[in-house]
Structures are given as C-alpha cells and as structure tokens.
Amino acid sequence: MSGPSRSVTLLTRTGCGLCATALEHLREICADFGLTPETVDVDEAAATQPELRAEYGDRLPVVLLDGREHSYFDVDEPRLRADLSG
C-alpha cells in the first residue's frame, strides 16, 4: 500500500545563486523518492499570489513540503529525507 502523494516546491527568483544550488540538491534528494521538485518564482507569481513574495521574498530559497514551509536558505536534507520516508 502506498502513502499519500508528496509535493516538494522550491520558492525562488531569477538570478538567485543559492536558489540554483538548492534546486540541484532537491533534484538529487527527490529522485530517491520518485519525485520531481517544482519551482515557483516569487516575483513572477506576485501578479496572482502577492502573498508569496511578501512572506518569503526576503529569505529565498524556501523549500515547501506539501505546501508548508520546510526549510529556507539551505535544504535540510536529513529532515527532508526523514519526512519523505514517513
């Protein structure tokens, strides 16, 4: 029996070096769980979701697990792996 489908999203913005590093790290981790991380550029999303940029824009990158904040600035690999395994 399989568990619920999980989603991993990286909030990012164009030109963010930390965001690019975090995305590569997320891709490696998520691949182990058969997942592909999604990305959302908070500046592009601001037209329809201004709350994303207001809430997260000053501390990117932000990792969301199932729509909830999981970590920011760095990917918390041990915690993310544990949460995806559970």
PDB file of N, CA and C in Angstrom:
ATOM      1  N   MET A   1       0.847  -1.177   0.000  1.00  0.00           N
ATOM      2  CA  MET A   1       0.000   0.000   0.000  1.00  0.00           C
ATOM      3  C   MET A   1       0.888   1.233   0.000  1.00  0.00           C
ATOM      4  N   SER A   2       0.644   2.153  -0.896  1.00  0.00           N
ATOM      5  CA  SER A   2       1.477   3.352  -0.992  1.00  0.00           C
ATOM      6  C   SER A   2       0.872   4.480  -0.170  1.00  0.00           C
ATOM      7  N   GLY A   3       1.753   5.390   0.273  1.00  0.00           N
ATOM      8  CA  GLY A   3       1.319   6.523   1.065  1.00  0.00           C
ATOM      9  C   GLY A   3       0.789   7.628   0.168  1.00  0.00           C
ATOM     10  N   PRO A   4       0.406   8.725   0.784  1.00  0.00           N
ATOM     11  CA  PRO A   4      -0.113   9.850   0.008  1.00  0.00           C
ATOM     12  C   PRO A   4       0.976  10.449  -0.872  1.00  0.00           C
ATOM     13  N   SER A   5       0.542  11.028  -1.974  1.00  0.00           N
ATOM     14  CA  SER A   5       1.471  11.684  -2.883  1.00  0.00           C
ATOM     15  C   SER A   5       2.045  12.922  -2.206  1.00  0.00           C
ATOM     16  N   ARG A   6       3.333  13.115  -2.329  1.00  0.00           N
ATOM     17  CA  ARG A   6       4.015  14.247  -1.700  1.00  0.00           C
ATOM     18  C   ARG A   6       4.378  15.264  -2.768  1.00  0.00           C
ATOM     19  N   SER A   7       4.484  16.508  -2.367  1.00  0.00           N
ATOM     20  CA  SER A   7       4.944  17.545  -3.288  1.00  0.00           C
ATOM     21  C   SER A   7       6.057  18.339  -2.618  1.00  0.00           C
ATOM     22  N   VAL A   8       7.086  18.612  -3.406  1.00  0.00           N
ATOM     23  CA  VAL A   8       8.210  19.431  -2.958  1.00  0.00           C
ATOM     24  C   VAL A   8       8.304  20.606  -3.912  1.00  0.00           C
ATOM     25  N   THR A   9       8.269  21.801  -3.361  1.00  0.00           N
ATOM     26  CA  THR A   9       8.304  23.021  -4.159  1.00  0.00           C
ATOM     27  C   THR A   9       9.417  23.915  -3.643  1.00  0.00           C
ATOM     28  N   LEU A  10      10.167  24.492  -4.573  1.00  0.00           N
ATOM     29  CA  LEU A  10      11.208  25.455  -4.219  1.00  0.00           C
ATOM     30  C   LEU A  10      10.745  26.836  -4.640  1.00  0.00           C
ATOM     31  N   LEU A  11      10.656  27.737  -3.673  1.00  0.00           N
ATOM     32  CA  LEU A  11      10.362  29.136  -3.973  1.00  0.00           C
ATOM     33  C   LEU A  11      11.692  29.802  -4.287  1.00  0.00           C
ATOM     34  N   THR A  12      11.741  30.500  -5.407  1.00  0.00           N
ATOM     35  CA  THR A  12      12.991  31.006  -5.938  1.00  0.00           C
ATOM     36  C   THR A  12      12.773  32.351  -6.615  1.00  0.00           C
ATOM     37  N   ARG A  13      13.852  32.879  -7.169  1.00  0.00           N
ATOM     38  CA  ARG A  13      13.742  34.050  -8.049  1.00  0.00           C
ATOM     39  C   ARG A  13      14.905  34.012  -9.027  1.00  0.00           C
ATOM     40  N   THR A  14      14.713  34.633 -10.163  1.00  0.00           N
ATOM     41  CA  THR A  14      15.730  34.689 -11.202  1.00  0.00           C
ATOM     42  C   THR A  14      16.997  35.331 -10.661  1.00  0.00           C
ATOM     43  N   GLY A  15      18.139  34.718 -10.964  1.00  0.00           N
ATOM     44  CA  GLY A  15      19.425  35.265 -10.572  1.00  0.00           C
ATOM     45  C   GLY A  15      19.874  34.902  -9.170  1.00  0.00           C
ATOM     46  N   CYS A  16      19.137  34.070  -8.483  1.00  0.00           N
ATOM     47  CA  CYS A  16      19.469  33.681  -7.111  1.00  0.00           C
ATOM     48  C   CYS A  16      20.397  32.465  -7.146  1.00  0.00           C
ATOM     49  N   GLY A  17      21.658  32.673  -6.803  1.00  0.00           N
ATOM     50  CA  GLY A  17      22.630  31.583  -6.814  1.00  0.00           C
ATOM     51  C   GLY A  17      22.329  30.508  -5.782  1.00  0.00           C
ATOM     52  N   LEU A  18      21.905  30.915  -4.587  1.00  0.00           N
ATOM     53  CA  LEU A  18      21.528  29.941  -3.563  1.00  0.00           C
ATOM     54  C   LEU A  18      20.348  29.096  -4.024  1.00  0.00           C
ATOM     55  N   CYS A  19      19.440  29.720  -4.768  1.00  0.00           N
ATOM     56  CA  CYS A  19      18.266  29.006  -5.268  1.00  0.00           C
ATOM     57  C   CYS A  19      18.676  27.927  -6.269  1.00  0.00           C
ATOM     58  N   ALA A  20      19.615  28.249  -7.151  1.00  0.00           N
ATOM     59  CA  ALA A  20      20.086  27.278  -8.137  1.00  0.00           C
ATOM     60  C   ALA A  20      20.752  26.090  -7.455  1.00  0.00           C
ATOM     61  N   THR A  21      21.554  26.362  -6.445  1.00  0.00           N
ATOM     62  CA  THR A  21      22.212  25.290  -5.683  1.00  0.00           C
ATOM     63  C   THR A  21      21.173  24.431  -4.965  1.00  0.00           C
ATOM     64  N   ALA A  22      20.201  25.078  -4.338  1.00  0.00           N
ATOM     65  CA  ALA A  22      19.153  24.344  -3.622  1.00  0.00           C
ATOM     66  C   ALA A  22      18.349  23.463  -4.569  1.00  0.00           C
ATOM     67  N   LEU A  23      18.073  23.954  -5.776  1.00  0.00           N
ATOM     68  CA  LEU A  23      17.299  23.168  -6.739  1.00  0.00           C
ATOM     69  C   LEU A  23      18.050  21.906  -7.139  1.00  0.00           C
ATOM     70  N   GLU A  24      19.334  22.022  -7.398  1.00  0.00           N
ATOM     71  CA  GLU A  24      20.119  20.839  -7.753  1.00  0.00           C
ATOM     72  C   GLU A  24      20.121  19.829  -6.608  1.00  0.00           C
ATOM     73  N   HIS A  25      20.266  20.314  -5.399  1.00  0.00           N
ATOM     74  CA  HIS A  25      20.247  19.450  -4.216  1.00  0.00           C
ATOM     75  C   HIS A  25      18.886  18.771  -4.080  1.00  0.00           C
ATOM     76  N   LEU A  26      17.814  19.540  -4.254  1.00  0.00           N
ATOM     77  CA  LEU A  26      16.468  18.979  -4.171  1.00  0.00           C
ATOM     78  C   LEU A  26      16.230  17.923  -5.235  1.00  0.00           C
ATOM     79  N   ARG A  27      16.710  18.169  -6.440  1.00  0.00           N
ATOM     80  CA  ARG A  27      16.530  17.186  -7.513  1.00  0.00           C
ATOM     81  C   ARG A  27      17.152  15.852  -7.137  1.00  0.00           C
ATOM     82  N   GLU A  28      18.336  15.882  -6.544  1.00  0.00           N
ATOM     83  CA  GLU A  28      19.012  14.648  -6.132  1.00  0.00           C
ATOM     84  C   GLU A  28      18.221  13.927  -5.045  1.00  0.00           C
ATOM     85  N   ILE A  29      17.783  14.657  -4.042  1.00  0.00           N
ATOM     86  CA  ILE A  29      17.037  14.053  -2.937  1.00  0.00           C
ATOM     87  C   ILE A  29      15.707  13.503  -3.434  1.00  0.00           C
ATOM     88  N   CYS A  30      14.975  14.312  -4.173  1.00  0.00           N
ATOM     89  CA  CYS A  30      13.643  13.910  -4.633  1.00  0.00           C
ATOM     90  C   CYS A  30      13.699  12.705  -5.567  1.00  0.00           C
ATOM     91  N   ALA A  31      14.756  12.611  -6.363  1.00  0.00           N
ATOM     92  CA  ALA A  31      14.892  11.478  -7.281  1.00  0.00           C
ATOM     93  C   ALA A  31      14.895  10.162  -6.513  1.00  0.00           C
ATOM     94  N   ASP A  32      15.457  10.159  -5.320  1.00  0.00           N
ATOM     95  CA  ASP A  32      15.478   8.949  -4.496  1.00  0.00           C
ATOM     96  C   ASP A  32      14.085   8.514  -4.053  1.00  0.00           C
ATOM     97  N   PHE A  33      13.122   9.427  -4.132  1.00  0.00           N
ATOM     98  CA  PHE A  33      11.752   9.145  -3.722  1.00  0.00           C
ATOM     99  C   PHE A  33      10.776   9.164  -4.897  1.00  0.00           C
ATOM    100  N   GLY A  34      11.329   9.193  -6.109  1.00  0.00           N
ATOM    101  CA  GLY A  34      10.485   9.202  -7.306  1.00  0.00           C
ATOM    102  C   GLY A  34       9.712  10.492  -7.495  1.00  0.00           C
ATOM    103  N   LEU A  35      10.251  11.579  -6.968  1.00  0.00           N
ATOM    104  CA  LEU A  35       9.588  12.879  -7.061  1.00  0.00           C
ATOM    105  C   LEU A  35      10.412  13.848  -7.904  1.00  0.00           C
ATOM    106  N   THR A  36       9.752  14.831  -8.452  1.00  0.00           N
ATOM    107  CA  THR A  36      10.411  15.919  -9.150  1.00  0.00           C
ATOM    108  C   THR A  36       9.988  17.214  -8.470  1.00  0.00           C
ATOM    109  N   PRO A  37      10.956  17.980  -7.958  1.00  0.00           N
ATOM    110  CA  PRO A  37      10.568  19.227  -7.292  1.00  0.00           C
ATOM    111  C   PRO A  37      10.043  20.251  -8.294  1.00  0.00           C
ATOM    112  N   GLU A  38       9.058  20.988  -7.876  1.00  0.00           N
ATOM    113  CA  GLU A  38       8.533  22.083  -8.677  1.00  0.00           C
ATOM    114  C   GLU A  38       9.229  23.360  -8.231  1.00  0.00           C
ATOM    115  N   THR A  39       9.220  24.370  -9.089  1.00  0.00           N
ATOM    116  CA  THR A  39       9.753  25.668  -8.712  1.00  0.00           C
ATOM    117  C   THR A  39       8.696  26.735  -8.935  1.00  0.00           C
ATOM    118  N   VAL A  40       8.722  27.734  -8.075  1.00  0.00           N
ATOM    119  CA  VAL A  40       7.850  28.895  -8.213  1.00  0.00           C
ATOM    120  C   VAL A  40       8.717  30.127  -8.024  1.00  0.00           C
ATOM    121  N   ASP A  41       8.778  30.963  -9.047  1.00  0.00           N
ATOM    122  CA  ASP A  41       9.483  32.234  -8.958  1.00  0.00           C
ATOM    123  C   ASP A  41       8.547  33.219  -8.260  1.00  0.00           C
ATOM    124  N   VAL A  42       8.920  33.668  -7.067  1.00  0.00           N
ATOM    125  CA  VAL A  42       8.024  34.520  -6.288  1.00  0.00           C
ATOM    126  C   VAL A  42       7.762  35.861  -6.959  1.00  0.00           C
ATOM    127  N   ASP A  43       8.701  36.339  -7.757  1.00  0.00           N
ATOM    128  CA  ASP A  43       8.492  37.612  -8.448  1.00  0.00           C
ATOM    129  C   ASP A  43       7.491  37.456  -9.582  1.00  0.00           C
ATOM    130  N   GLU A  44       7.584  36.349 -10.312  1.00  0.00           N
ATOM    131  CA  GLU A  44       6.618  36.089 -11.386  1.00  0.00           C
ATOM    132  C   GLU A  44       5.237  35.790 -10.813  1.00  0.00           C
ATOM    133  N   ALA A  45       5.199  35.072  -9.706  1.00  0.00           N
ATOM    134  CA  ALA A  45       3.931  34.693  -9.086  1.00  0.00           C
ATOM    135  C   ALA A  45       3.238  35.871  -8.417  1.00  0.00           C
ATOM    136  N   ALA A  46       3.965  36.957  -8.174  1.00  0.00           N
ATOM    137  CA  ALA A  46       3.419  38.092  -7.427  1.00  0.00           C
ATOM    138  C   ALA A  46       2.180  38.701  -8.083  1.00  0.00           C
ATOM    139  N   ALA A  47       2.050  38.541  -9.396  1.00  0.00           N
ATOM    140  CA  ALA A  47       0.883  39.097 -10.082  1.00  0.00           C
ATOM    141  C   ALA A  47      -0.415  38.455  -9.596  1.00  0.00           C
ATOM    142  N   THR A  48      -0.366  37.167  -9.283  1.00  0.00           N
ATOM    143  CA  THR A  48      -1.565  36.469  -8.841  1.00  0.00           C
ATOM    144  C   THR A  48      -1.492  35.993  -7.389  1.00  0.00           C
ATOM    145  N   GLN A  49      -0.269  35.907  -6.855  1.00  0.00           N
ATOM    146  CA  GLN A  49      -0.083  35.453  -5.474  1.00  0.00           C
ATOM    147  C   GLN A  49       0.908  36.373  -4.756  1.00  0.00           C
ATOM    148  N   PRO A  50       0.546  37.636  -4.539  1.00  0.00           N
ATOM    149  CA  PRO A  50       1.484  38.578  -3.923  1.00  0.00           C
ATOM    150  C   PRO A  50       1.924  38.155  -2.526  1.00  0.00           C
ATOM    151  N   GLU A  51       1.127  37.329  -1.871  1.00  0.00           N
ATOM    152  CA  GLU A  51       1.474  36.892  -0.520  1.00  0.00           C
ATOM    153  C   GLU A  51       2.744  36.041  -0.501  1.00  0.00           C
ATOM    154  N   LEU A  52       3.043  35.335  -1.595  1.00  0.00           N
ATOM    155  CA  LEU A  52       4.273  34.534  -1.642  1.00  0.00           C
ATOM    156  C   LEU A  52       5.508  35.416  -1.524  1.00  0.00           C
ATOM    157  N   ARG A  53       5.550  36.468  -2.326  1.00  0.00           N
ATOM    158  CA  ARG A  53       6.706  37.365  -2.276  1.00  0.00           C
ATOM    159  C   ARG A  53       6.746  38.116  -0.945  1.00  0.00           C
ATOM    160  N   ALA A  54       5.587  38.514  -0.444  1.00  0.00           N
ATOM    161  CA  ALA A  54       5.545  39.235   0.830  1.00  0.00           C
ATOM    162  C   ALA A  54       6.043  38.347   1.977  1.00  0.00           C
ATOM    163  N   GLU A  55       5.656  37.090   1.970  1.00  0.00           N
ATOM    164  CA  GLU A  55       6.022  36.180   3.064  1.00  0.00           C
ATOM    165  C   GLU A  55       7.440  35.642   2.941  1.00  0.00           C
ATOM    166  N   TYR A  56       7.848  35.274   1.727  1.00  0.00           N
ATOM    167  CA  TYR A  56       9.099  34.539   1.560  1.00  0.00           C
ATOM    168  C   TYR A  56      10.189  35.281   0.792  1.00  0.00           C
ATOM    169  N   GLY A  57       9.872  36.399   0.184  1.00  0.00           N
ATOM    170  CA  GLY A  57      10.788  37.070  -0.733  1.00  0.00           C
ATOM    171  C   GLY A  57      12.127  37.484  -0.177  1.00  0.00           C
ATOM    172  N   ASP A  58      12.227  37.676   1.130  1.00  0.00           N
ATOM    173  CA  ASP A  58      13.491  38.121   1.713  1.00  0.00           C
ATOM    174  C   ASP A  58      14.311  36.977   2.306  1.00  0.00           C
ATOM    175  N   ARG A  59      13.856  35.735   2.141  1.00  0.00           N
ATOM    176  CA  ARG A  59      14.624  34.610   2.687  1.00  0.00           C
ATOM    177  C   ARG A  59      14.662  33.417   1.745  1.00  0.00           C
ATOM    178  N   LEU A  60      14.789  33.704   0.472  1.00  0.00           N
ATOM    179  CA  LEU A  60      14.864  32.640  -0.538  1.00  0.00           C
ATOM    180  C   LEU A  60      16.239  32.002  -0.549  1.00  0.00           C
ATOM    181  N   PRO A  61      16.343  30.761  -0.944  1.00  0.00           N
ATOM    182  CA  PRO A  61      15.287  29.840  -1.355  1.00  0.00           C
ATOM    183  C   PRO A  61      14.522  29.270  -0.162  1.00  0.00           C
ATOM    184  N   VAL A  62      13.281  28.916  -0.433  1.00  0.00           N
ATOM    185  CA  VAL A  62      12.428  28.295   0.575  1.00  0.00           C
ATOM    186  C   VAL A  62      11.917  26.978   0.007  1.00  0.00           C
ATOM    187  N   VAL A  63      12.035  25.912   0.799  1.00  0.00           N
ATOM    188  CA  VAL A  63      11.520  24.610   0.408  1.00  0.00           C
ATOM    189  C   VAL A  63      10.165  24.419   1.078  1.00  0.00           C
ATOM    190  N   LEU A  64       9.171  24.081   0.261  1.00  0.00           N
ATOM    191  CA  LEU A  64       7.846  23.751   0.774  1.00  0.00           C
ATOM    192  C   LEU A  64       7.635  22.251   0.599  1.00  0.00           C
ATOM    193  N   LEU A  65       7.173  21.594   1.634  1.00  0.00           N
ATOM    194  CA  LEU A  65       6.800  20.183   1.547  1.00  0.00           C
ATOM    195  C   LEU A  65       5.298  20.125   1.732  1.00  0.00           C
ATOM    196  N   ASP A  66       4.619  19.643   0.706  1.00  0.00           N
ATOM    197  CA  ASP A  66       3.153  19.570   0.725  1.00  0.00           C
ATOM    198  C   ASP A  66       2.533  20.930   1.031  1.00  0.00           C
ATOM    199  N   GLY A  67       3.153  21.991   0.472  1.00  0.00           N
ATOM    200  CA  GLY A  67       2.612  23.341   0.611  1.00  0.00           C
ATOM    201  C   GLY A  67       2.964  24.060   1.897  1.00  0.00           C
ATOM    202  N   ARG A  68       3.729  23.416   2.774  1.00  0.00           N
ATOM    203  CA  ARG A  68       4.097  24.036   4.044  1.00  0.00           C
ATOM    204  C   ARG A  68       5.605  24.256   4.089  1.00  0.00           C
ATOM    205  N   GLU A  69       6.002  25.357   4.702  1.00  0.00           N
ATOM    206  CA  GLU A  69       7.422  25.671   4.787  1.00  0.00           C
ATOM    207  C   GLU A  69       8.178  24.557   5.499  1.00  0.00           C
ATOM    208  N   HIS A  70       9.251  24.110   4.863  1.00  0.00           N
ATOM    209  CA  HIS A  70      10.065  23.041   5.430  1.00  0.00           C
ATOM    210  C   HIS A  70      11.437  23.564   5.840  1.00  0.00           C
ATOM    211  N   SER A  71      12.067  24.357   4.979  1.00  0.00           N
ATOM    212  CA  SER A  71      13.369  24.947   5.297  1.00  0.00           C
ATOM    213  C   SER A  71      13.593  26.153   4.393  1.00  0.00           C
ATOM    214  N   TYR A  72      14.576  26.974   4.763  1.00  0.00           N
ATOM    215  CA  TYR A  72      14.926  28.102   3.916  1.00  0.00           C
ATOM    216  C   TYR A  72      16.419  28.347   3.982  1.00  0.00           C
ATOM    217  N   PHE A  73      16.924  29.030   2.967  1.00  0.00           N
ATOM    218  CA  PHE A  73      18.344  29.278   2.718  1.00  0.00           C
ATOM    219  C   PHE A  73      19.083  27.998   2.332  1.00  0.00           C
ATOM    220  N   ASP A  74      18.999  26.958   3.144  1.00  0.00           N
ATOM    221  CA  ASP A  74      19.616  25.672   2.840  1.00  0.00           C
ATOM    222  C   ASP A  74      18.551  24.586   2.848  1.00  0.00           C
ATOM    223  N   VAL A  75      18.793  23.526   2.092  1.00  0.00           N
ATOM    224  CA  VAL A  75      17.914  22.368   2.133  1.00  0.00           C
ATOM    225  C   VAL A  75      18.315  21.540   3.356  1.00  0.00           C
ATOM    226  N   ASP A  76      17.377  21.288   4.231  1.00  0.00           N
ATOM    227  CA  ASP A  76      17.630  20.460   5.409  1.00  0.00           C
ATOM    228  C   ASP A  76      17.477  18.998   4.976  1.00  0.00           C
ATOM    229  N   GLU A  77      18.556  18.462   4.401  1.00  0.00           N
ATOM    230  CA  GLU A  77      18.489  17.124   3.805  1.00  0.00           C
ATOM    231  C   GLU A  77      18.067  16.038   4.777  1.00  0.00           C
ATOM    232  N   PRO A  78      18.690  15.931   5.958  1.00  0.00           N
ATOM    233  CA  PRO A  78      18.277  14.846   6.859  1.00  0.00           C
ATOM    234  C   PRO A  78      16.779  14.914   7.214  1.00  0.00           C
ATOM    235  N   ARG A  79      16.324  16.111   7.507  1.00  0.00           N
ATOM    236  CA  ARG A  79      14.907  16.276   7.873  1.00  0.00           C
ATOM    237  C   ARG A  79      13.995  15.989   6.690  1.00  0.00           C
ATOM    238  N   LEU A  80      14.363  16.476   5.497  1.00  0.00           N
ATOM    239  CA  LEU A  80      13.543  16.240   4.316  1.00  0.00           C
ATOM    240  C   LEU A  80      13.475  14.752   3.998  1.00  0.00           C
ATOM    241  N   ARG A  81      14.611  14.071   4.044  1.00  0.00           N
ATOM    242  CA  ARG A  81      14.602  12.624   3.788  1.00  0.00           C
ATOM    243  C   ARG A  81      13.731  11.890   4.811  1.00  0.00           C
ATOM    244  N   ALA A  82      13.839  12.274   6.068  1.00  0.00           N
ATOM    245  CA  ALA A  82      13.021  11.634   7.106  1.00  0.00           C
ATOM    246  C   ALA A  82      11.535  11.889   6.860  1.00  0.00           C
ATOM    247  N   ASP A  83      11.192  13.121   6.516  1.00  0.00           N
ATOM    248  CA  ASP A  83       9.787  13.461   6.279  1.00  0.00           C
ATOM    249  C   ASP A  83       9.235  12.776   5.035  1.00  0.00           C
ATOM    250  N   LEU A  84      10.057  12.651   3.997  1.00  0.00           N
ATOM    251  CA  LEU A  84       9.607  11.957   2.784  1.00  0.00           C
ATOM    252  C   LEU A  84       9.504  10.445   3.007  1.00  0.00           C
ATOM    253  N   SER A  85      10.285   9.924   3.931  1.00  0.00           N
ATOM    254  CA  SER A  85      10.239   8.493   4.214  1.00  0.00           C
ATOM    255  C   SER A  85       9.028   8.117   5.070  1.00  0.00           C
ATOM    256  N   GLY A  86       8.561   9.071   5.845  1.00  0.00           N
ATOM    257  CA  GLY A  86       7.495   8.811   6.814  1.00  0.00           C
ATOM    258  C   GLY A  86       6.147   8.782   6.275  1.00  0.00           C
TER     259      GLY A  86
END
